[in-house]
Amino acid sequence: MTDAKVPLPTLLSADGDPGSQAISSPDFAGESLGAYAIRHGLRPSAERPPVLAYIAELWRRRHFVMAFATARNIAMYTEAKLGQVWQVLTPLLNAGVYFLIFGLLLHINRGIPNYLAFLVTGIFVFNFTQRCFITTSSVITESLPLIRALQFPRAALPLAYVVIELEQMFLAMAVLVVIVLVSGEPVTWYWLLVIPALLLQTIFNIGIGLFAGRLGSQVNDFSQLLPFLMRTWLYLSGVLFSIQNLDLTGNSSVPGWAVPVLEVNPAAVYITLVRNSILRSQRLSAPGSKPYNAATCAQWQHAAAHGVTVPPSQQYDSAYCAAHFTMLHFWYFGIGWAALALVVGFFFFWRAETRYGRG
């Protein structure tokens, strides 16, 4: 039995007849592979697209983002017996622990009317940003199989995780409304301002989510450091206390310059916007909401600095004290932080588009 010989492929001649010369590899003498590819109209498959093309591709993938977010949100608590109820129980339990420690044991609620609604609102709003930061920091490393299998804008992943947290925030807001109403707060037209406030916070969260997504994919220790950063951010954002009241209660341990700096902290800005939208007690007691009255303000300061709790008759007298910023200023800060975070976060993430999935 003889071995069959497979003829080498041949070139066709101009008249269609097979020629006698076998196909040979192209001659790269004197020319690099990159130059050869460019001359023939080829480009790298993992090339980073231009900004506008990248944004357009993200928009075309919006249905994928929404479907991915909804599926992940449903699957997140499927193994737990209470299921989706944990989306509401988690911030509620956090609020209960903080209220027990800081409200009942330490009496940190000096001069703050309706401290329970004040505290729960701050925790729910901060938790929205905190969860976005934490989940997006590991989204690239956790999605490597998907990234390597499919071609799509990698920014869709952090964006999808922000959508997941936004869907959970809707449930949390429903619970918050019940708590606020039970605590005695009335429904007013100011409640409508929650919509633009949460919209600005969502834009801000998208920006920091993109920033954290790239940072978490390149710095392995970032996820270990993040819980400490988030806990520090919580204590600096006025979740448990009123930042505006710090320099009014005679707290000499806080430098005068620190109070306005803490007030413009982005998390504190969005918490303030939501609180002043749904809590009438916060709008009426906010420093600067009434014409300045030195005598009335001094009485409130004395009660807040030396009493365990301010008497109900004086809890709203803080409105007669001077303020560093008005509510209009806080809206400007909210818009500025949202725009800055989105632009910086997007470009920071986009510049490393070709590096994701190589780890």
Protein backbone atom coordinates (compact mmCIF):
# COMPACT_ATOMS: atom_id res chain seq x y z
CA MET A 1 0.00 0.00 0.00
CA THR A 2 1.52 3.26 -1.10
CA ASP A 3 1.18 6.58 0.68
CA ALA A 4 -1.12 9.04 -1.09
CA LYS A 5 0.49 12.33 -1.89
CA VAL A 6 -1.54 15.48 -1.39
CA PRO A 7 -0.72 17.96 -4.09
CA LEU A 8 0.29 21.43 -2.99
CA PRO A 9 -2.18 24.20 -3.73
CA THR A 10 -1.41 26.02 -6.90
CA LEU A 11 -2.07 29.48 -8.21
CA LEU A 12 -4.56 30.13 -10.97
CA SER A 13 -3.23 31.73 -14.07
CA ALA A 14 -4.83 34.74 -15.66
CA ASP A 15 -7.03 32.52 -17.87
CA GLY A 16 -8.23 30.43 -14.92
CA ASP A 17 -5.98 27.44 -15.51
CA PRO A 18 -4.02 26.19 -12.54
CA GLY A 19 -0.46 27.23 -12.65
CA SER A 20 2.52 25.27 -11.64
CA GLN A 21 3.76 27.59 -8.86
CA ALA A 22 2.65 26.80 -5.27
CA ILE A 23 1.32 29.48 -3.01
CA SER A 24 4.06 31.01 -0.95
CA SER A 25 3.92 33.25 2.09
CA PRO A 26 4.09 36.97 1.43
CA ASP A 27 7.44 38.63 1.30
CA PHE A 28 7.95 40.76 4.43
CA ALA A 29 11.49 41.70 3.57
CA GLY A 30 12.07 45.29 4.54
CA GLU A 31 8.51 45.76 5.92
CA SER A 32 7.16 45.22 9.44
CA LEU A 33 4.01 43.22 10.10
CA GLY A 34 2.30 46.37 11.36
CA ALA A 35 3.05 48.26 8.17
CA TYR A 36 1.95 45.29 6.08
CA ALA A 37 -1.38 45.12 7.98
CA ILE A 38 -1.97 48.86 7.56
CA ARG A 39 -1.18 48.67 3.82
CA HIS A 40 -3.87 46.01 3.46
CA GLY A 41 -6.49 47.81 5.55
CA LEU A 42 -6.21 45.61 8.65
CA ARG A 43 -6.43 46.91 12.22
CA PRO A 44 -6.03 45.34 15.68
CA SER A 45 -9.19 43.63 16.94
CA ALA A 46 -8.67 45.03 20.47
CA GLU A 47 -8.03 48.59 19.38
CA ARG A 48 -9.56 51.25 21.62
CA PRO A 49 -12.36 53.00 19.71
CA PRO A 50 -12.68 56.80 19.63
CA VAL A 51 -14.69 58.41 22.41
CA LEU A 52 -17.80 59.21 20.36
CA ALA A 53 -17.84 55.76 18.75
CA TYR A 54 -17.43 54.20 22.19
CA ILE A 55 -20.36 56.18 23.60
CA ALA A 56 -22.50 55.25 20.59
CA GLU A 57 -21.66 51.56 21.09
CA LEU A 58 -22.58 51.85 24.77
CA TRP A 59 -25.94 53.30 23.80
CA ARG A 60 -26.57 50.42 21.40
CA ARG A 61 -25.84 48.03 24.26
CA ARG A 62 -28.36 49.67 26.62
CA HIS A 63 -30.76 46.73 26.37
CA PHE A 64 -27.93 44.37 27.30
CA VAL A 65 -27.10 46.56 30.31
CA MET A 66 -30.69 46.57 31.56
CA ALA A 67 -31.19 42.83 30.99
CA PHE A 68 -27.88 41.99 32.65
CA ALA A 69 -28.67 44.21 35.65
CA THR A 70 -32.15 42.76 36.13
CA ALA A 71 -30.91 39.18 35.87
CA ARG A 72 -28.13 39.78 38.37
CA ASN A 73 -30.48 41.56 40.72
CA ILE A 74 -32.90 38.63 40.72
CA ALA A 75 -30.16 36.03 41.11
CA MET A 76 -28.39 37.90 43.91
CA TYR A 77 -30.65 36.62 46.70
CA THR A 78 -32.09 33.47 45.13
CA GLU A 79 -30.35 31.19 47.65
CA ALA A 80 -31.57 33.20 50.66
CA LYS A 81 -34.90 32.23 52.18
CA LEU A 82 -36.09 35.83 52.37
CA GLY A 83 -34.92 36.54 48.82
CA GLN A 84 -35.31 40.13 47.66
CA VAL A 85 -36.44 41.20 51.13
CA TRP A 86 -32.76 41.47 52.06
CA GLN A 87 -32.47 44.43 49.72
CA VAL A 88 -34.57 46.35 52.23
CA LEU A 89 -33.59 44.55 55.43
CA THR A 90 -29.88 45.30 55.08
CA PRO A 91 -30.12 49.13 55.23
CA LEU A 92 -32.91 48.86 57.81
CA LEU A 93 -30.77 46.74 60.11
CA ASN A 94 -27.86 49.16 59.66
CA ALA A 95 -30.15 52.06 60.53
CA GLY A 96 -31.41 50.21 63.61
CA VAL A 97 -27.89 49.53 64.88
CA TYR A 98 -26.78 53.14 64.33
CA PHE A 99 -29.93 54.52 65.97
CA LEU A 100 -29.43 52.26 68.99
CA ILE A 101 -25.80 53.29 69.45
CA PHE A 102 -25.74 56.93 68.41
CA GLY A 103 -29.35 57.93 69.06
CA LEU A 104 -30.25 56.11 72.26
CA LEU A 105 -26.92 55.31 73.94
CA LEU A 106 -24.64 58.19 72.95
CA HIS A 107 -27.38 60.81 72.43
CA ILE A 108 -25.55 62.24 69.42
CA ASN A 109 -28.86 63.63 68.13
CA ARG A 110 -28.42 66.98 69.88
CA GLY A 111 -30.41 69.70 68.20
CA ILE A 112 -31.71 67.45 65.38
CA PRO A 113 -35.50 67.18 65.20
CA ASN A 114 -36.92 63.81 64.14
CA TYR A 115 -33.54 62.12 64.43
CA LEU A 116 -34.86 58.70 63.36
CA ALA A 117 -35.98 59.94 59.93
CA PHE A 118 -32.78 62.03 59.71
CA LEU A 119 -30.61 58.96 60.37
CA VAL A 120 -32.47 56.50 58.13
CA THR A 121 -32.46 58.92 55.20
CA GLY A 122 -28.72 59.45 55.53
CA ILE A 123 -28.00 55.71 55.70
CA PHE A 124 -30.17 54.85 52.70
CA VAL A 125 -28.69 57.58 50.52
CA PHE A 126 -25.10 56.86 51.51
CA ASN A 127 -25.62 53.13 51.06
CA PHE A 128 -26.54 53.77 47.41
CA THR A 129 -23.15 55.36 46.70
CA GLN A 130 -21.25 52.95 48.93
CA ARG A 131 -22.69 49.87 47.24
CA CYS A 132 -21.94 51.27 43.77
CA PHE A 133 -18.34 51.91 44.76
CA ILE A 134 -17.83 48.45 46.28
CA THR A 135 -19.54 46.34 43.61
CA THR A 136 -17.98 48.10 40.62
CA SER A 137 -14.48 47.82 42.10
CA SER A 138 -14.47 44.07 41.43
CA VAL A 139 -16.73 43.86 38.38
CA ILE A 140 -13.89 43.49 35.85
CA THR A 141 -12.04 40.74 37.70
CA GLU A 142 -15.27 38.85 38.38
CA SER A 143 -16.40 39.09 34.74
CA LEU A 144 -13.21 37.90 33.00
CA PRO A 145 -14.92 34.90 31.30
CA LEU A 146 -17.59 37.20 29.85
CA ILE A 147 -15.03 39.80 28.78
CA ARG A 148 -12.89 37.20 27.02
CA ALA A 149 -15.84 35.52 25.32
CA LEU A 150 -17.71 38.53 23.94
CA GLN A 151 -16.79 41.77 22.28
CA PHE A 152 -18.59 44.73 23.86
CA PRO A 153 -17.71 48.05 25.55
CA ARG A 154 -16.28 47.12 28.93
CA ALA A 155 -17.89 50.20 30.50
CA ALA A 156 -21.22 48.38 30.16
CA LEU A 157 -20.28 46.23 33.17
CA PRO A 158 -19.80 49.01 35.78
CA LEU A 159 -22.83 50.73 34.29
CA ALA A 160 -24.92 47.59 34.74
CA TYR A 161 -23.88 47.27 38.38
CA VAL A 162 -24.90 50.87 39.05
CA VAL A 163 -28.29 50.02 37.53
CA ILE A 164 -28.51 47.06 39.92
CA GLU A 165 -27.95 49.35 42.89
CA LEU A 166 -30.43 51.87 41.48
CA GLU A 167 -33.13 49.20 41.28
CA GLN A 168 -32.44 48.30 44.91
CA MET A 169 -32.53 51.99 45.82
CA PHE A 170 -36.08 52.20 44.49
CA LEU A 171 -37.13 49.53 47.00
CA ALA A 172 -35.24 51.28 49.77
CA MET A 173 -36.95 54.58 48.96
CA ALA A 174 -40.35 52.92 49.26
CA VAL A 175 -39.44 51.76 52.76
CA LEU A 176 -37.99 55.18 53.57
CA VAL A 177 -41.26 56.86 52.62
CA VAL A 178 -43.12 54.66 55.10
CA ILE A 179 -40.65 55.45 57.89
CA VAL A 180 -40.77 59.17 57.16
CA LEU A 181 -44.56 59.24 57.21
CA VAL A 182 -44.76 57.19 60.42
CA SER A 183 -42.28 59.56 62.08
CA GLY A 184 -44.68 62.46 61.50
CA GLU A 185 -43.30 64.15 58.39
CA PRO A 186 -45.99 65.52 56.05
CA VAL A 187 -46.15 65.01 52.29
CA THR A 188 -45.29 68.23 50.45
CA TRP A 189 -44.39 69.24 46.93
CA TYR A 190 -40.74 69.29 48.05
CA TRP A 191 -40.84 65.52 47.76
CA LEU A 192 -40.63 65.91 43.99
CA LEU A 193 -37.11 67.25 44.41
CA VAL A 194 -36.01 63.74 45.39
CA ILE A 195 -36.15 62.79 41.69
CA PRO A 196 -33.47 65.24 40.44
CA ALA A 197 -31.44 64.66 43.62
CA LEU A 198 -31.29 60.89 43.03
CA LEU A 199 -30.67 61.44 39.32
CA LEU A 200 -27.61 63.57 40.11
CA GLN A 201 -26.43 60.98 42.62
CA THR A 202 -26.86 58.21 40.04
CA ILE A 203 -24.74 60.13 37.52
CA PHE A 204 -22.12 60.65 40.23
CA ASN A 205 -22.24 56.92 41.06
CA ILE A 206 -21.71 56.02 37.40
CA GLY A 207 -18.59 58.18 37.35
CA ILE A 208 -17.07 56.73 40.51
CA GLY A 209 -18.16 53.25 39.38
CA LEU A 210 -16.13 53.59 36.18
CA PHE A 211 -13.20 54.95 38.16
CA ALA A 212 -13.38 52.11 40.71
CA GLY A 213 -13.83 49.54 37.93
CA ARG A 214 -10.49 50.34 36.34
CA LEU A 215 -8.68 50.85 39.65
CA GLY A 216 -9.97 47.55 41.03
CA SER A 217 -8.90 45.67 37.90
CA GLN A 218 -5.31 46.93 38.13
CA VAL A 219 -4.67 47.19 41.89
CA ASN A 220 -5.33 43.89 43.63
CA ASP A 221 -5.19 45.37 47.14
CA PHE A 222 -7.81 48.01 46.35
CA SER A 223 -10.71 45.75 47.37
CA GLN A 224 -9.04 45.11 50.74
CA LEU A 225 -8.61 48.81 51.44
CA LEU A 226 -12.06 49.84 50.21
CA PRO A 227 -14.12 48.90 53.35
CA PHE A 228 -11.94 51.17 55.49
CA LEU A 229 -12.26 54.01 53.01
CA MET A 230 -16.03 53.60 52.90
CA ARG A 231 -16.33 53.57 56.69
CA THR A 232 -14.26 56.75 56.96
CA TRP A 233 -16.33 58.37 54.22
CA LEU A 234 -19.52 57.48 56.11
CA TYR A 235 -18.34 59.19 59.29
CA LEU A 236 -17.29 62.29 57.34
CA SER A 237 -20.54 62.63 55.38
CA GLY A 238 -22.99 63.62 58.11
CA VAL A 239 -24.88 60.33 58.06
CA LEU A 240 -25.02 60.16 61.87
CA PHE A 241 -24.90 63.85 62.73
CA SER A 242 -25.55 67.26 61.22
CA ILE A 243 -22.39 68.73 59.69
CA GLN A 244 -24.00 72.17 59.61
CA ASN A 245 -24.42 72.08 63.38
CA LEU A 246 -20.80 71.16 64.18
CA ASP A 247 -19.50 74.70 64.51
CA LEU A 248 -22.75 75.89 66.12
CA THR A 249 -22.56 73.66 69.20
CA GLY A 250 -19.23 74.96 70.45
CA ASN A 251 -17.25 71.89 69.42
CA SER A 252 -13.73 73.32 69.64
CA SER A 253 -12.14 70.07 68.44
CA VAL A 254 -13.40 70.73 64.91
CA PRO A 255 -11.42 73.42 63.01
CA GLY A 256 -13.55 76.18 61.53
CA TRP A 257 -12.37 75.44 57.98
CA ALA A 258 -13.31 71.74 58.27
CA VAL A 259 -17.08 72.32 58.48
CA PRO A 260 -17.58 73.87 55.01
CA VAL A 261 -15.17 71.31 53.55
CA LEU A 262 -17.23 68.46 55.00
CA GLU A 263 -20.44 70.08 53.77
CA VAL A 264 -19.29 70.04 50.11
CA ASN A 265 -18.20 66.39 50.36
CA PRO A 266 -20.20 64.76 47.50
CA ALA A 267 -21.86 62.11 49.69
CA ALA A 268 -22.87 64.80 52.20
CA VAL A 269 -24.24 66.98 49.39
CA TYR A 270 -26.59 64.30 48.07
CA ILE A 271 -27.66 63.33 51.58
CA THR A 272 -28.49 66.97 52.32
CA LEU A 273 -30.47 67.32 49.08
CA VAL A 274 -32.60 64.26 49.82
CA ARG A 275 -33.09 65.13 53.48
CA ASN A 276 -34.25 68.65 52.70
CA SER A 277 -36.58 67.29 50.02
CA ILE A 278 -38.55 64.83 52.13
CA LEU A 279 -37.99 66.01 55.73
CA ARG A 280 -39.87 69.17 56.64
CA SER A 281 -38.08 69.18 59.98
CA GLN A 282 -34.75 69.55 58.20
CA ARG A 283 -35.91 72.40 56.01
CA LEU A 284 -37.30 74.33 58.99
CA SER A 285 -34.28 73.75 61.24
CA ALA A 286 -31.50 74.22 58.66
CA PRO A 287 -29.16 77.11 59.59
CA GLY A 288 -29.88 80.10 57.40
CA SER A 289 -33.48 79.14 56.65
CA LYS A 290 -34.63 82.01 58.91
CA PRO A 291 -33.29 85.57 59.21
CA TYR A 292 -30.20 85.63 61.40
CA ASN A 293 -30.97 86.25 65.07
CA ALA A 294 -27.94 86.27 67.34
CA ALA A 295 -29.87 85.91 70.60
CA THR A 296 -32.05 83.01 69.47
CA CYS A 297 -29.08 81.27 67.87
CA ALA A 298 -27.06 81.66 71.07
CA GLN A 299 -29.80 80.06 73.13
CA TRP A 300 -29.94 77.09 70.79
CA GLN A 301 -26.14 76.77 70.82
CA HIS A 302 -26.09 76.75 74.62
CA ALA A 303 -28.79 74.07 74.79
CA ALA A 304 -27.13 71.91 72.14
CA ALA A 305 -23.68 72.22 73.69
CA HIS A 306 -24.62 71.58 77.33
CA GLY A 307 -27.85 69.59 77.24
CA VAL A 308 -28.26 65.92 76.49
CA THR A 309 -30.98 66.78 74.02
CA VAL A 310 -32.31 70.13 72.94
CA PRO A 311 -35.83 70.81 74.26
CA PRO A 312 -38.52 70.44 71.56
CA SER A 313 -39.33 74.14 71.86
CA GLN A 314 -35.78 75.04 70.77
CA GLN A 315 -34.99 72.32 68.21
CA TYR A 316 -35.92 74.55 65.29
CA ASP A 317 -34.05 77.62 66.59
CA SER A 318 -30.93 76.54 64.69
CA ALA A 319 -32.65 78.07 61.65
CA TYR A 320 -31.79 81.53 63.05
CA CYS A 321 -28.03 80.78 62.95
CA ALA A 322 -25.79 81.71 60.04
CA ALA A 323 -25.02 79.10 57.38
CA HIS A 324 -22.03 78.57 55.13
CA PHE A 325 -24.18 77.50 52.17
CA THR A 326 -27.80 77.80 51.14
CA MET A 327 -29.86 75.02 49.55
CA LEU A 328 -29.27 76.58 46.14
CA HIS A 329 -25.55 76.16 46.72
CA PHE A 330 -26.03 72.48 47.51
CA TRP A 331 -27.84 72.01 44.18
CA TYR A 332 -24.91 73.64 42.39
CA PHE A 333 -22.50 71.35 44.23
CA GLY A 334 -24.62 68.31 43.35
CA ILE A 335 -24.58 69.20 39.65
CA GLY A 336 -20.86 69.93 39.73
CA TRP A 337 -19.90 66.68 41.46
CA ALA A 338 -22.07 64.63 39.08
CA ALA A 339 -20.54 66.22 35.97
CA LEU A 340 -16.98 66.01 37.29
CA ALA A 341 -17.27 62.37 38.36
CA LEU A 342 -18.86 61.29 35.08
CA VAL A 343 -16.26 62.98 32.86
CA VAL A 344 -13.22 61.94 34.91
CA GLY A 345 -14.50 58.42 35.53
CA PHE A 346 -15.43 57.81 31.90
CA PHE A 347 -12.10 58.95 30.44
CA PHE A 348 -10.14 57.14 33.15
CA PHE A 349 -11.95 53.89 32.33
CA TRP A 350 -11.96 54.36 28.55
CA ARG A 351 -8.20 54.88 28.32
CA ALA A 352 -7.61 51.35 29.62
CA GLU A 353 -10.27 49.69 27.44
CA THR A 354 -7.80 47.36 25.72
CA ARG A 355 -6.26 46.15 28.99
CA TYR A 356 -9.37 44.61 30.53
CA GLY A 357 -9.49 40.82 30.34
CA ARG A 358 -5.75 40.29 30.09
CA GLY A 359 -5.25 39.47 33.78
